Amino acid sequence: MGTLPPFAAVIVAAGQGLRAGQSLPKQFAPWRGKPVVKHSAEALLAAGASPVVIVIPAGAEELASAAVAGLPVELVTGGETRQQSVARGLKAVVASEKVLIHDAARPHVPRAVIERLLAALEHHPGAIPVLPVVDSLVVESGGLMTGTGDRASLRRVQTPQAFLTSAIATAHASWQGSADAGDDAQVLRAAGGTIALVQGDEALKKLTFAEDFMNADLAVRVGTGFDVHRLEHGKQLWLCGIRIDSEFGLAGHSDADVGLHAVVDALLGAIGAGDIGQHFPPTDERWKGAPSSLFVAHAVDLVTQAGYRVGNIDVTLICEAPKIGPHRDAMRASIAALAGIDAAAVNVKATTTERLGFTGRGEGIAAQAILTLVRS
């Protein structure tokens, strides 16, 4: 993991956050073992952010200090609106060339997103992480549908948002009218700055409502995964991280390791983070021929960020051939190493379909996985 270029961070935690139904503003409420704001502060510090400034509500100094106790951060009192709060936070980082502005209500901050944002600042004064809109959109009035929206050209905007500090500070200072911009990208764009779009991450989900805090501290979670790949002559055969000598291999965009793909989906499912196709689209050339161990590592990282560790993994391979028994121990060791657990907590077994269906005809191999996650 390489060193990132220098950057500062401003975490906006000055809102009331009462929609989440907590007894105190949600940014200071406990979530997965620690105050919400502490999650993103730790992630940004770990990525190298310096300084890290947290903008807090007036009168919340004691509450905020307790929430981030032990962290080398600076607390700044915010204004009446988010835009005013950011402007105050920026005054504390003017000596930094680049700054990330982040909403405290988004506790996960994947390092890969930070890397993409900082890289985009080499060519643009601002950059924001976005995700596609996957649902159909309608225009509503009085409880009735009055039109539709074009989701193809729309994107969901996340934070952190990255800027050249001088550009965003100048944009805030030159803002005309009410200080009620929805985010800082709007402020920079109003000043004539260009905003690059980089790939966001579902892990950046914002905590907004009471249900976002429900079950956040479950001691154990369970995930399941299922995957299928067809067999093709001349392909390499990878199963559970082990290459097996065979004249037939599995076809797919990556190495098509059906066992590890099932494990990835089980990991993602256990933390509610979608599926393998969302994180590693088969249309993305970066993943062509990629080893599935990369996908497992990514999923395990998300599990760790969510405050869990892998408890045990059980994988079933469904095929007529090859024989799995001779490779079982190597497969268990491979999965265990990727998941960061002992091989005794991993089981790999195989079954056939009595020559019924596509696996019975030797046309492909299927795999299913079930696993538990334990609160770290």
Protein backbone atom coordinates (compact mmCIF):
# COMPACT_ATOMS: atom_id res chain seq x y z
CA MET A 1 0.00 0.00 0.00
CA GLY A 2 1.70 3.19 -1.20
CA THR A 3 1.96 6.53 0.56
CA LEU A 4 -0.62 9.09 -0.47
CA PRO A 5 0.31 12.70 -1.29
CA PRO A 6 -0.14 15.17 1.60
CA PHE A 7 -3.71 16.28 2.27
CA ALA A 8 -5.83 17.74 5.05
CA ALA A 9 -9.33 16.73 6.05
CA VAL A 10 -12.37 18.59 7.30
CA ILE A 11 -15.09 16.41 8.86
CA VAL A 12 -18.44 18.16 9.05
CA ALA A 13 -20.12 17.14 12.31
CA ALA A 14 -22.02 20.32 13.16
CA GLY A 15 -25.58 19.20 12.43
CA GLN A 16 -28.27 18.17 14.88
CA GLY A 17 -28.73 14.69 13.31
CA LEU A 18 -31.98 14.01 15.16
CA ARG A 19 -33.75 12.10 12.37
CA ALA A 20 -31.77 9.04 13.38
CA GLY A 21 -33.82 8.82 16.57
CA GLN A 22 -30.82 8.91 18.90
CA SER A 23 -30.76 10.71 22.24
CA LEU A 24 -27.89 12.87 20.99
CA PRO A 25 -26.75 14.07 17.55
CA LYS A 26 -26.07 11.01 15.42
CA GLN A 27 -22.44 11.97 14.73
CA PHE A 28 -21.72 11.41 18.43
CA ALA A 29 -24.02 8.42 18.91
CA PRO A 30 -22.47 4.96 19.38
CA TRP A 31 -22.33 2.82 16.25
CA ARG A 32 -20.47 -0.47 15.98
CA GLY A 33 -18.57 0.03 19.17
CA LYS A 34 -17.58 3.70 18.95
CA PRO A 35 -19.05 7.16 18.21
CA VAL A 36 -19.97 7.61 14.55
CA VAL A 37 -17.56 10.50 13.98
CA LYS A 38 -14.63 8.53 15.38
CA HIS A 39 -14.87 5.94 12.57
CA SER A 40 -14.18 8.41 9.75
CA ALA A 41 -11.65 10.38 11.79
CA GLU A 42 -9.60 7.23 12.36
CA ALA A 43 -9.85 6.23 8.70
CA LEU A 44 -8.67 9.62 7.45
CA LEU A 45 -5.83 9.74 9.96
CA ALA A 46 -4.77 6.24 8.94
CA ALA A 47 -4.67 7.36 5.31
CA GLY A 48 -2.29 10.18 6.25
CA ALA A 49 -4.59 13.19 6.58
CA SER A 50 -2.95 16.06 8.48
CA PRO A 51 -4.39 18.13 9.95
CA VAL A 52 -7.82 16.62 10.58
CA VAL A 53 -10.35 19.27 11.58
CA ILE A 54 -13.79 18.34 12.94
CA VAL A 55 -16.47 21.01 12.77
CA ILE A 56 -18.90 20.61 15.67
CA PRO A 57 -22.11 22.28 16.89
CA ALA A 58 -21.87 25.24 19.25
CA GLY A 59 -21.90 24.04 22.83
CA ALA A 60 -20.88 20.47 21.95
CA GLU A 61 -17.22 20.77 22.88
CA GLU A 62 -17.38 18.31 25.79
CA LEU A 63 -19.43 15.77 23.83
CA ALA A 64 -17.16 16.00 20.79
CA SER A 65 -13.96 15.78 22.83
CA ALA A 66 -15.19 12.58 24.44
CA ALA A 67 -16.19 11.14 21.05
CA VAL A 68 -12.70 11.54 19.55
CA ALA A 69 -10.65 11.16 22.71
CA GLY A 70 -7.07 10.16 21.98
CA LEU A 71 -7.10 11.25 18.33
CA PRO A 72 -4.85 14.08 17.06
CA VAL A 73 -7.68 16.21 15.69
CA GLU A 74 -8.70 19.86 15.96
CA LEU A 75 -12.25 20.88 16.90
CA VAL A 76 -13.81 23.96 15.32
CA THR A 77 -17.25 25.36 16.09
CA GLY A 78 -19.52 25.44 13.04
CA GLY A 79 -22.12 27.87 11.76
CA GLU A 80 -25.88 27.80 11.23
CA THR A 81 -25.67 25.92 7.91
CA ARG A 82 -23.43 23.19 6.55
CA GLN A 83 -21.88 25.65 4.11
CA GLN A 84 -20.98 28.06 6.89
CA SER A 85 -19.52 25.21 8.94
CA VAL A 86 -17.29 24.07 6.07
CA ALA A 87 -16.07 27.63 5.51
CA ARG A 88 -14.98 27.80 9.15
CA GLY A 89 -13.27 24.44 8.93
CA LEU A 90 -11.36 25.47 5.83
CA LYS A 91 -9.78 28.38 7.70
CA ALA A 92 -7.93 25.81 9.82
CA VAL A 93 -6.38 24.01 6.83
CA VAL A 94 -5.36 26.92 4.57
CA ALA A 95 -1.70 25.84 4.71
CA SER A 96 -2.55 22.51 3.03
CA GLU A 97 -2.54 22.22 -0.74
CA LYS A 98 -5.32 19.60 -0.86
CA VAL A 99 -8.28 18.96 1.39
CA LEU A 100 -10.95 16.28 1.73
CA ILE A 101 -14.31 17.45 3.08
CA HIS A 102 -16.33 14.64 4.61
CA ASP A 103 -19.70 14.15 6.29
CA ALA A 104 -19.32 12.61 9.75
CA ALA A 105 -22.47 10.55 9.13
CA ARG A 106 -20.56 8.39 6.63
CA PRO A 107 -18.43 6.30 9.02
CA HIS A 108 -16.64 4.15 6.43
CA VAL A 109 -13.99 5.85 4.28
CA PRO A 110 -12.36 3.30 1.92
CA ARG A 111 -8.73 4.13 1.19
CA ALA A 112 -9.27 3.29 -2.49
CA VAL A 113 -11.77 6.14 -2.79
CA ILE A 114 -9.30 8.54 -1.20
CA GLU A 115 -6.65 7.44 -3.70
CA ARG A 116 -8.99 8.06 -6.65
CA LEU A 117 -9.97 11.49 -5.36
CA LEU A 118 -6.40 12.67 -4.81
CA ALA A 119 -5.35 11.36 -8.22
CA ALA A 120 -8.14 13.38 -9.87
CA LEU A 121 -6.85 16.57 -8.22
CA GLU A 122 -3.78 16.32 -10.43
CA HIS A 123 -6.00 17.50 -13.30
CA HIS A 124 -8.99 19.24 -11.70
CA PRO A 125 -9.59 21.62 -8.78
CA GLY A 126 -12.30 19.34 -7.38
CA ALA A 127 -13.33 15.69 -7.40
CA ILE A 128 -16.27 13.82 -5.90
CA PRO A 129 -17.13 10.11 -5.51
CA VAL A 130 -20.34 9.04 -7.23
CA LEU A 131 -22.39 5.91 -7.82
CA PRO A 132 -24.89 5.16 -10.59
CA VAL A 133 -28.63 5.41 -9.99
CA VAL A 134 -29.94 1.87 -10.35
CA ASP A 135 -33.65 2.42 -9.63
CA SER A 136 -36.16 4.10 -11.91
CA LEU A 137 -36.93 7.72 -11.00
CA VAL A 138 -40.25 9.53 -10.96
CA VAL A 139 -41.35 13.08 -10.28
CA GLU A 140 -43.92 13.31 -7.49
CA SER A 141 -46.53 15.92 -6.67
CA GLY A 142 -49.28 15.51 -4.13
CA GLY A 143 -48.62 11.81 -3.82
CA LEU A 144 -48.99 11.22 -7.55
CA MET A 145 -46.46 10.44 -10.25
CA THR A 146 -46.19 13.42 -12.60
CA GLY A 147 -43.10 12.55 -14.63
CA THR A 148 -39.96 10.47 -14.90
CA GLY A 149 -36.24 11.11 -14.52
CA ASP A 150 -33.35 10.01 -16.71
CA ARG A 151 -31.28 7.80 -14.43
CA ALA A 152 -28.68 7.23 -17.15
CA SER A 153 -27.31 10.74 -16.69
CA LEU A 154 -27.79 10.97 -12.92
CA ARG A 155 -25.34 9.98 -10.20
CA ARG A 156 -25.54 9.57 -6.43
CA VAL A 157 -23.03 11.89 -4.75
CA GLN A 158 -21.01 10.84 -1.72
CA THR A 159 -18.28 12.26 0.47
CA PRO A 160 -15.41 12.78 1.05
CA GLN A 161 -15.11 15.39 -1.66
CA ALA A 162 -11.61 16.51 -2.62
CA PHE A 163 -10.41 19.97 -3.56
CA LEU A 164 -7.40 22.13 -4.06
CA THR A 165 -7.65 24.07 -0.81
CA SER A 166 -7.13 27.50 -2.35
CA ALA A 167 -9.83 26.84 -4.96
CA ILE A 168 -12.53 25.71 -2.56
CA ALA A 169 -11.68 28.39 0.01
CA THR A 170 -11.95 31.07 -2.66
CA ALA A 171 -15.22 29.60 -3.90
CA HIS A 172 -16.73 29.72 -0.42
CA ALA A 173 -15.57 33.32 0.05
CA SER A 174 -17.09 34.40 -3.27
CA TRP A 175 -20.46 32.64 -2.78
CA GLN A 176 -23.44 34.89 -3.43
CA GLY A 177 -26.83 34.56 -1.73
CA SER A 178 -27.95 32.28 1.09
CA ALA A 179 -25.29 29.89 2.38
CA ASP A 180 -27.41 26.80 1.74
CA ALA A 181 -25.52 24.79 -0.90
CA GLY A 182 -26.12 21.05 -0.62
CA ASP A 183 -22.42 20.21 -0.83
CA ASP A 184 -19.05 21.75 -1.59
CA ALA A 185 -18.96 20.59 -5.20
CA GLN A 186 -21.88 22.95 -5.83
CA VAL A 187 -19.93 25.79 -4.25
CA LEU A 188 -16.87 25.21 -6.45
CA ARG A 189 -18.94 24.76 -9.60
CA ALA A 190 -20.77 28.04 -8.91
CA ALA A 191 -17.35 29.72 -8.88
CA GLY A 192 -16.48 28.22 -12.27
CA GLY A 193 -14.43 25.25 -11.09
CA THR A 194 -14.57 21.86 -12.77
CA ILE A 195 -15.52 18.78 -10.77
CA ALA A 196 -14.15 15.36 -11.71
CA LEU A 197 -16.29 12.30 -10.95
CA VAL A 198 -14.58 9.21 -9.54
CA GLN A 199 -16.00 5.83 -8.60
CA GLY A 200 -17.58 5.85 -5.16
CA ASP A 201 -18.27 2.90 -2.90
CA GLU A 202 -21.43 1.47 -1.33
CA ALA A 203 -19.47 1.32 1.93
CA LEU A 204 -19.77 5.14 2.08
CA LYS A 205 -23.45 4.86 2.93
CA LYS A 206 -24.76 7.74 5.04
CA LEU A 207 -26.39 7.05 8.40
CA THR A 208 -29.65 8.99 8.30
CA PHE A 209 -32.58 7.23 9.92
CA ALA A 210 -33.19 5.22 13.07
CA GLU A 211 -33.13 1.95 11.14
CA ASP A 212 -29.54 2.69 10.10
CA PHE A 213 -28.59 2.20 13.74
CA MET A 214 -30.72 -0.88 14.27
CA ASN A 215 -28.82 -4.16 14.53
CA ALA A 216 -25.57 -2.27 14.01
CA ASP A 217 -24.03 -4.07 16.95
CA LEU A 218 -25.11 -7.65 16.31
CA ALA A 219 -22.55 -9.94 17.89
CA VAL A 220 -22.74 -12.41 14.98
CA ARG A 221 -23.74 -12.05 11.35
CA VAL A 222 -24.28 -14.74 8.73
CA GLY A 223 -23.72 -14.52 4.98
CA THR A 224 -24.31 -16.91 2.09
CA GLY A 225 -22.95 -16.95 -1.45
CA PHE A 226 -23.55 -18.94 -4.62
CA ASP A 227 -21.77 -18.86 -7.96
CA VAL A 228 -21.56 -20.82 -11.21
CA HIS A 229 -19.03 -20.86 -14.05
CA ARG A 230 -18.98 -23.00 -17.16
CA LEU A 231 -16.12 -25.32 -18.02
CA GLU A 232 -14.10 -24.66 -21.15
CA HIS A 233 -11.31 -26.64 -22.76
CA GLY A 234 -7.86 -25.09 -22.47
CA LYS A 235 -8.67 -22.76 -19.57
CA GLN A 236 -6.83 -22.81 -16.26
CA LEU A 237 -8.81 -24.36 -13.41
CA TRP A 238 -8.73 -22.40 -10.16
CA LEU A 239 -10.78 -23.55 -7.18
CA CYS A 240 -10.65 -21.93 -3.74
CA GLY A 241 -7.34 -20.26 -4.58
CA ILE A 242 -5.62 -23.43 -5.77
CA ARG A 243 -4.69 -24.18 -9.39
CA ILE A 244 -5.60 -27.72 -10.36
CA ASP A 245 -4.15 -29.57 -13.34
CA SER A 246 -6.99 -30.19 -15.77
CA GLU A 247 -7.66 -30.00 -19.50
CA PHE A 248 -10.80 -28.04 -18.64
CA GLY A 249 -10.95 -24.77 -16.72
CA LEU A 250 -13.61 -22.29 -15.70
CA ALA A 251 -14.51 -19.45 -18.04
CA GLY A 252 -15.07 -15.94 -16.73
CA HIS A 253 -13.88 -12.34 -16.79
CA SER A 254 -11.48 -12.95 -13.89
CA ASP A 255 -9.82 -16.26 -13.07
CA ALA A 256 -13.39 -17.58 -12.55
CA ASP A 257 -12.60 -19.18 -9.20
CA VAL A 258 -16.15 -20.22 -8.40
CA GLY A 259 -15.32 -21.17 -4.82
CA LEU A 260 -13.76 -17.84 -3.90
CA HIS A 261 -16.54 -15.96 -5.70
CA ALA A 262 -19.08 -17.66 -3.47
CA VAL A 263 -17.00 -16.70 -0.43
CA VAL A 264 -16.85 -13.05 -1.58
CA ASP A 265 -20.63 -12.87 -1.94
CA ALA A 266 -21.06 -14.43 1.50
CA LEU A 267 -18.72 -11.84 3.04
CA LEU A 268 -20.45 -8.93 1.32
CA GLY A 269 -23.88 -10.30 2.13
CA ALA A 270 -23.12 -10.60 5.83
CA ILE A 271 -22.44 -6.84 6.09
CA GLY A 272 -25.10 -5.75 3.60
CA ALA A 273 -22.56 -4.54 1.05
CA GLY A 274 -24.13 -5.86 -2.16
CA ASP A 275 -22.51 -8.52 -4.30
CA ILE A 276 -19.32 -9.21 -6.21
CA GLY A 277 -20.67 -7.77 -9.45
CA GLN A 278 -21.21 -4.36 -7.85
CA HIS A 279 -17.65 -4.16 -6.57
CA PHE A 280 -15.93 -5.84 -9.53
CA PRO A 281 -18.10 -5.39 -12.64
CA PRO A 282 -17.38 -7.93 -15.41
CA THR A 283 -17.38 -5.00 -17.85
CA ASP A 284 -14.36 -3.44 -16.15
CA GLU A 285 -11.16 -4.38 -17.97
CA ARG A 286 -9.14 -3.96 -14.75
CA TRP A 287 -10.49 -7.28 -13.54
CA LYS A 288 -9.88 -9.26 -16.74
CA GLY A 289 -7.98 -12.36 -15.69
CA ALA A 290 -7.57 -11.01 -12.16
CA PRO A 291 -6.96 -13.49 -9.34
CA SER A 292 -10.04 -13.86 -7.18
CA SER A 293 -7.84 -13.50 -4.10
CA LEU A 294 -8.02 -9.74 -4.76
CA PHE A 295 -11.79 -9.86 -4.46
CA VAL A 296 -11.63 -11.76 -1.19
CA ALA A 297 -9.09 -9.29 0.21
CA HIS A 298 -11.39 -6.39 -0.68
CA ALA A 299 -14.40 -8.05 0.96
CA VAL A 300 -12.42 -8.91 4.10
CA ASP A 301 -11.27 -5.29 4.30
CA LEU A 302 -14.91 -4.13 4.20
CA VAL A 303 -15.75 -6.66 6.92
CA THR A 304 -12.95 -5.23 9.08
CA GLN A 305 -14.14 -1.67 8.48
CA ALA A 306 -17.62 -2.74 9.55
CA GLY A 307 -16.18 -3.86 12.89
CA TYR A 308 -16.26 -7.61 12.32
CA ARG A 309 -13.88 -10.50 11.76
CA VAL A 310 -14.51 -13.82 10.06
CA GLY A 311 -15.61 -16.58 12.40
CA ASN A 312 -15.80 -19.63 10.14
CA ILE A 313 -16.36 -20.48 6.47
CA ASP A 314 -18.01 -23.53 4.94
CA VAL A 315 -17.73 -24.03 1.15
CA THR A 316 -19.45 -26.68 -0.97
CA LEU A 317 -18.19 -27.36 -4.51
CA ILE A 318 -20.73 -28.99 -6.81
CA CYS A 319 -19.14 -30.90 -9.68
CA GLU A 320 -18.49 -34.32 -11.22
CA ALA A 321 -14.80 -33.57 -11.71
CA PRO A 322 -12.14 -32.90 -10.62
CA LYS A 323 -11.89 -34.88 -7.43
CA ILE A 324 -11.73 -32.36 -4.59
CA GLY A 325 -10.43 -34.65 -1.85
CA PRO A 326 -6.73 -34.50 -2.84
CA HIS A 327 -6.86 -30.69 -2.80
CA ARG A 328 -9.08 -30.12 0.20
CA ASP A 329 -6.39 -29.21 2.74
CA ALA A 330 -4.65 -26.82 0.35
CA MET A 331 -7.98 -25.14 -0.38
CA ARG A 332 -8.74 -24.76 3.31
CA ALA A 333 -5.31 -23.23 3.93
CA SER A 334 -5.74 -20.86 1.00
CA ILE A 335 -9.13 -19.58 2.15
CA ALA A 336 -7.96 -19.31 5.75
CA ALA A 337 -4.97 -17.17 4.76
CA LEU A 338 -7.18 -14.82 2.75
CA ALA A 339 -9.74 -14.52 5.53
CA GLY A 340 -7.16 -14.13 8.29
CA ILE A 341 -8.37 -17.13 10.28
CA ASP A 342 -7.08 -20.57 11.22
CA ALA A 343 -7.55 -23.38 8.70
CA ALA A 344 -9.49 -25.26 11.38
CA ALA A 345 -12.26 -22.65 10.95
CA VAL A 346 -12.57 -23.43 7.21
CA ASN A 347 -14.32 -26.40 5.67
CA VAL A 348 -14.31 -27.36 1.99
CA LYS A 349 -16.44 -30.22 0.77
CA ALA A 350 -17.74 -31.47 -2.55
CA THR A 351 -20.85 -33.15 -3.84
CA THR A 352 -22.31 -34.19 -7.17
CA THR A 353 -25.80 -33.93 -8.61
CA GLU A 354 -25.90 -37.61 -9.58
CA ARG A 355 -25.13 -36.59 -13.18
CA LEU A 356 -28.24 -34.39 -13.31
CA GLY A 357 -28.20 -30.84 -14.65
CA PHE A 358 -25.30 -28.82 -16.04
CA THR A 359 -22.88 -29.89 -13.31
CA GLY A 360 -23.86 -33.52 -13.80
CA ARG A 361 -23.15 -33.22 -17.52
CA GLY A 362 -19.75 -31.71 -16.79
CA GLU A 363 -20.68 -28.36 -18.34
CA GLY A 364 -19.76 -26.27 -15.32
CA ILE A 365 -19.01 -26.08 -11.61
CA ALA A 366 -21.15 -24.46 -8.94
CA ALA A 367 -20.20 -23.42 -5.42
CA GLN A 368 -22.03 -22.24 -2.36
CA ALA A 369 -20.59 -20.74 0.81
CA ILE A 370 -21.92 -19.89 4.23
CA LEU A 371 -19.96 -18.06 6.88
CA THR A 372 -20.21 -16.20 10.14
CA LEU A 373 -18.80 -12.84 11.13
CA VAL A 374 -18.04 -12.04 14.76
CA ARG A 375 -17.95 -8.58 16.31
CA SER A 376 -14.30 -7.55 16.66
